[in-house]
Amino acid sequence: MIGHEGWQKNFCPSFMAFFIWVKMMQVKKIFLRTNRPAVLGFLFLSLLGTFFFCIQCGSCKIEFSMVVKTISSHVGFFPEISSIPRIMHTIVWNIRLPRTVLAILVGVCLSTSGAVFQGCFKNPLVEPYILGISSGAAFGAALGIVFPSFFMSVQLLAFIFGFMAVGITYSMARVRGKTPTVTLVLAGIITGSIFGSLVGIIKYTAQDTALREIVFWLMGGFYYAGWRDVTMLFPIAMIGFIIIWISGWKINILSMGDQEARSLGVSPEKNKFMLISLATMMTAAAVSCVGIIAWVGLMIPHSARMITEPDHRMVIPVSALLGAIYLIVCDTIARTLTNAEIPIGIITSLVGAPYLFYLVRSKGQRMFGG
């Protein structure tokens, strides 16, 4: 537990950042829908402001000017690195900056993937983990944690098994050269159930230390975030995002149905496979770095559609920016709310479940067909 002063110091800055994000969602819809560059510019500036604000927050409060000086000294600008206190290099450059950048990249990966899956499957309740990615990655991570001397790194195993799970799902769902959407979703549920059972067996036989590490990995978190993770995830996130954004018009056509897509000269099988493969690669890479973070890929695309038109050429970049803002705010809350860090998966679930309830009650008929 924390005292009154600790609560004010740790919780208030995080709450203010989250409050800013909520207010940002309430911008006039007419303005947003008729000014695409203004929307993206506003969200980018919001991301930039939230980025610097969240780096300042923590048990050691750092002034904005010192954050800027520390970052600029490392990227080749002024001032000299020697003029910055060593503790600032450790806190800002080695701990908070890579953690915040990684949160941005993971938010981009999960929210963009969620928009792709919802568009391709024509289902607003689909998320990136629907094809068994999370369960497969969890099994790979559990293997690496329990048997560290027999396998590769936990991160690499999680990525490989996450991708393998989707490959198994596609193989199961393919019938006579085609992959029906319903069959693909059912195959994903089956694959996820199988890998979930395997994870349960490993947890049952694991020692206490390994079991605790598996549980924390499954809840997601940026505990060990470093520049190595950023270097690994950055090219995957950026390449995947750019290709998917360019292909936004194809997702618009695919969301109309396979028959309509064929009549417009777009191959649904080929394009779905390409887009889902990219989204899977982004999701598997993100999960392998930080564990399973729920709700981001489900709720953020809906938020994007609420503030702009349902055009994926706009939904994709808006989802990416909102996802980045949302995750760095949640991560800041997770590490500042109490003296002990809270797994970020708990924060995203606490926010995501009420948000979905709000969508169902207020916009259910329009968004879900209920």
Foldseek 3Di string as FASTA:
>chain_A
DDDPVLQCQQPVLLVVLVVVLVVLLPPDLVVLAVDLVVLLVVLVVNLVVLLLSLLQGAPHGDDSVLLVQLVQCVVPHDDPNVVRDPVSCCSRVWPRNLLLLLQLLLLLLFQLLLLLVCLLLVALQDGLCLQQLQLQLLLQLLCCLQCVPPDDHSLVRSLVRSLVSNVQLQVQQDDPNDGDSVSSSVSSVVSNVVSNVSSVVSLVPGDPVSNVVSVLQQLWACPPGGVVLVVVLVVLSVVLLVVVLVCLQVSVQSSVDQVSCVVVPHHSRVVSVVNSSSSSSNNSSSCSNINDAPQSSNVLLVSLCSSYPPRSNSSSSSSSSSSSSVRSSLNSCQRRSDVDGHHSSVVNVVVRVVSVVVCCVPPVCPNRVD
